[in-house]
Amino acid sequence: MKRITGIIITLALLLLIPQKMDDLLPPEHVNKQEDYSNKQESEWYVMGIQDTSEILQVKTSVSSTNWWEYPSNIYTTERDGDDLLVLVNKQFKLPSTYAPSDLVKASKSGIRRGESYQLRSILIPDLTAMINDAKSSGIDLSIVSAYRSYQTQVNTYKYWLGKNNNNIALVDTFSARAGHS
């Protein structure tokens, strides 16, 4: 029962989508109509986005420690992306050429809607166990997101920029740039 409860809590945290944009903002920005484009500590500009690596930071020193901000120095990870211990975050990104070598359809796990999604094969045994445990408790799980190609990541980030008036500082609070996720 504890395992099922843990699974449900984890899924709830991963799958809940905020109901409004304010839910995506850090607490100090909720209900504030702040214009991020004029911030002095970090100014951004966009050069005909083909790739999110073309989003450049004009100032190189950012004294902020806000979790949603990207650092001025971003590095391409030196470890292979298939390495399960590779660090990928706002400071370390995967190269645009990386794609997992072991992608399989999520349906191999028995998850509903799995034919439309791909996952790393190493996930299948644990996902299968989670699906079976959930089913035995009367819970029906479905997949809504999985592996995204680099180009899909670029398009997703561009989509959110378009929906948010190219407000990079805002979009960085809820959408990862390509290669950073």
Protein backbone atom coordinates (compact mmCIF):
# COMPACT_ATOMS: atom_id res chain seq x y z
CA MET A 1 0.00 0.00 0.00
CA LYS A 2 2.88 2.38 0.80
CA ARG A 3 4.33 1.70 -2.65
CA ILE A 4 1.03 2.54 -4.36
CA THR A 5 0.66 5.70 -2.26
CA GLY A 6 4.19 6.75 -3.23
CA ILE A 7 3.46 6.05 -6.88
CA ILE A 8 0.25 8.08 -6.76
CA ILE A 9 1.96 11.01 -5.07
CA THR A 10 4.82 10.92 -7.58
CA LEU A 11 2.42 10.77 -10.53
CA ALA A 12 0.34 13.59 -9.10
CA LEU A 13 3.42 15.78 -8.75
CA LEU A 14 4.63 14.94 -12.25
CA LEU A 15 1.34 15.11 -14.10
CA LEU A 16 -0.59 17.97 -12.53
CA ILE A 17 -0.74 20.89 -14.89
CA PRO A 18 -1.19 24.34 -13.39
CA GLN A 19 -4.61 25.84 -13.98
CA LYS A 20 -3.30 29.34 -14.73
CA MET A 21 -0.01 31.08 -15.51
CA ASP A 22 0.30 32.51 -11.98
CA ASP A 23 0.68 28.93 -10.75
CA LEU A 24 3.87 28.67 -12.82
CA LEU A 25 5.49 31.76 -11.36
CA PRO A 26 7.76 31.89 -8.32
CA PRO A 27 5.80 33.17 -5.28
CA GLU A 28 7.35 36.67 -5.30
CA HIS A 29 6.00 37.29 -8.83
CA VAL A 30 2.41 36.16 -8.34
CA ASN A 31 -0.11 38.94 -9.02
CA LYS A 32 2.63 41.30 -10.18
CA GLN A 33 2.61 42.65 -13.71
CA GLU A 34 6.39 42.81 -13.95
CA ASP A 35 8.09 43.51 -17.28
CA TYR A 36 10.99 41.07 -17.33
CA SER A 37 12.41 42.49 -20.55
CA ASN A 38 13.59 45.64 -18.75
CA LYS A 39 15.32 43.95 -15.81
CA GLN A 40 18.78 45.38 -15.22
CA GLU A 41 20.47 42.25 -13.89
CA SER A 42 19.79 40.12 -16.94
CA GLU A 43 18.78 41.32 -20.38
CA TRP A 44 17.97 38.89 -23.17
CA TYR A 45 17.42 39.12 -26.86
CA VAL A 46 16.35 36.60 -29.46
CA MET A 47 17.99 36.22 -32.86
CA GLY A 48 15.52 34.53 -35.27
CA ILE A 49 15.20 31.40 -33.17
CA GLN A 50 16.09 28.25 -35.09
CA ASP A 51 17.59 26.69 -31.99
CA THR A 52 17.35 27.80 -28.36
CA SER A 53 21.13 28.00 -28.16
CA GLU A 54 20.67 31.18 -30.19
CA ILE A 55 19.08 32.82 -27.16
CA LEU A 56 21.94 34.83 -25.82
CA GLN A 57 22.43 36.64 -22.57
CA VAL A 58 23.64 40.19 -23.16
CA LYS A 59 25.15 40.65 -19.72
CA THR A 60 27.46 37.90 -18.59
CA SER A 61 27.23 38.43 -14.85
CA VAL A 62 23.98 37.57 -13.15
CA SER A 63 24.03 37.93 -9.40
CA SER A 64 20.72 36.16 -8.91
CA THR A 65 20.30 32.74 -7.33
CA ASN A 66 16.76 32.22 -8.59
CA TRP A 67 16.23 28.59 -9.63
CA TRP A 68 14.45 29.51 -12.86
CA GLU A 69 17.27 31.62 -14.31
CA TYR A 70 19.89 30.17 -16.62
CA PRO A 71 23.51 30.92 -15.68
CA SER A 72 25.68 33.06 -17.92
CA ASN A 73 27.97 30.09 -18.66
CA ILE A 74 26.22 27.06 -20.13
CA TYR A 75 28.27 23.98 -20.96
CA THR A 76 27.62 20.99 -23.15
CA THR A 77 28.01 17.92 -21.00
CA GLU A 78 31.11 15.85 -21.66
CA ARG A 79 29.47 12.60 -20.59
CA ASP A 80 27.51 10.54 -23.06
CA GLY A 81 23.78 11.20 -22.88
CA ASP A 82 23.11 7.47 -22.50
CA ASP A 83 25.10 7.50 -19.26
CA LEU A 84 22.48 7.33 -16.51
CA LEU A 85 24.61 9.62 -14.34
CA VAL A 86 24.96 12.45 -16.88
CA LEU A 87 24.11 15.82 -15.34
CA VAL A 88 21.58 17.76 -17.41
CA ASN A 89 20.19 20.97 -15.96
CA LYS A 90 20.21 24.72 -16.62
CA GLN A 91 24.01 24.87 -16.64
CA PHE A 92 24.79 21.58 -18.43
CA LYS A 93 23.01 20.66 -21.64
CA LEU A 94 23.04 17.70 -24.00
CA PRO A 95 24.27 18.36 -27.55
CA SER A 96 21.67 18.88 -30.27
CA THR A 97 22.85 15.65 -31.92
CA TYR A 98 22.05 13.46 -28.90
CA ALA A 99 19.21 10.95 -29.04
CA PRO A 100 18.96 7.94 -26.70
CA SER A 101 20.22 4.76 -28.34
CA ASP A 102 17.71 2.52 -26.58
CA LEU A 103 14.31 4.10 -27.29
CA VAL A 104 11.30 1.75 -27.28
CA LYS A 105 7.56 2.30 -27.39
CA ALA A 106 6.12 2.97 -23.95
CA SER A 107 3.41 0.42 -24.77
CA LYS A 108 5.96 -2.32 -23.96
CA SER A 109 5.20 -1.53 -20.31
CA GLY A 110 1.46 -1.99 -20.73
CA ILE A 111 0.68 1.67 -20.10
CA ARG A 112 -2.40 3.07 -21.79
CA ARG A 113 -1.68 5.33 -24.82
CA GLY A 114 1.89 4.02 -24.89
CA GLU A 115 1.97 3.47 -28.66
CA SER A 116 2.39 7.20 -29.19
CA TYR A 117 5.39 7.66 -26.90
CA GLN A 118 8.98 6.47 -26.67
CA LEU A 119 11.02 5.86 -23.52
CA ARG A 120 14.47 4.59 -22.66
CA SER A 121 14.29 0.78 -22.47
CA ILE A 122 15.76 0.78 -18.95
CA LEU A 123 12.49 2.33 -17.71
CA ILE A 124 10.22 -0.44 -18.99
CA PRO A 125 10.61 -2.99 -16.13
CA ASP A 126 9.94 -0.40 -13.40
CA LEU A 127 7.13 1.23 -15.34
CA THR A 128 5.57 -2.21 -15.92
CA ALA A 129 5.74 -2.93 -12.18
CA MET A 130 4.18 0.44 -11.41
CA ILE A 131 1.38 -0.14 -13.95
CA ASN A 132 0.65 -3.59 -12.51
CA ASP A 133 0.67 -2.33 -8.91
CA ALA A 134 -1.63 0.52 -9.84
CA LYS A 135 -4.02 -1.80 -11.71
CA SER A 136 -4.19 -4.15 -8.72
CA SER A 137 -5.31 -1.15 -6.66
CA GLY A 138 -7.92 -0.09 -9.22
CA ILE A 139 -5.87 2.77 -10.62
CA ASP A 140 -5.71 3.33 -14.39
CA LEU A 141 -2.54 5.09 -15.50
CA SER A 142 -1.93 6.75 -18.85
CA ILE A 143 1.12 8.40 -20.35
CA VAL A 144 0.99 12.03 -21.50
CA SER A 145 4.65 12.83 -22.20
CA ALA A 146 7.91 11.03 -22.86
CA TYR A 147 11.07 11.40 -24.94
CA ARG A 148 11.17 14.55 -27.07
CA SER A 149 13.67 15.03 -29.88
CA TYR A 150 15.92 18.08 -29.79
CA GLN A 151 13.84 19.72 -32.53
CA THR A 152 10.63 19.04 -30.60
CA GLN A 153 12.24 20.67 -27.55
CA VAL A 154 13.13 23.71 -29.70
CA ASN A 155 9.57 23.88 -31.03
CA THR A 156 8.05 23.51 -27.56
CA TYR A 157 10.17 26.31 -26.14
CA LYS A 158 9.35 28.53 -29.15
CA TYR A 159 5.65 27.75 -28.69
CA TRP A 160 5.74 28.94 -25.07
CA LEU A 161 7.72 32.04 -26.04
CA GLY A 162 5.06 32.86 -28.63
CA LYS A 163 2.27 32.35 -26.09
CA ASN A 164 4.06 34.65 -23.63
CA ASN A 165 5.14 37.61 -25.80
CA ASN A 166 8.73 36.31 -26.09
CA ASN A 167 9.15 36.81 -22.35
CA ILE A 168 12.18 34.56 -21.89
CA ALA A 169 12.48 35.17 -18.15
CA LEU A 170 8.90 34.01 -17.64
CA VAL A 171 9.10 31.02 -20.00
CA ASP A 172 12.30 29.86 -18.28
CA THR A 173 10.24 29.37 -15.10
CA PHE A 174 8.19 26.55 -16.63
CA SER A 175 9.74 25.33 -19.90
CA ALA A 176 13.25 23.98 -20.39
CA ARG A 177 15.35 25.15 -23.28
CA ALA A 178 16.36 22.51 -25.81
CA GLY A 179 19.00 20.13 -24.49
CA HIS A 180 18.41 21.10 -20.87
CA SER A 181 15.78 18.49 -20.01
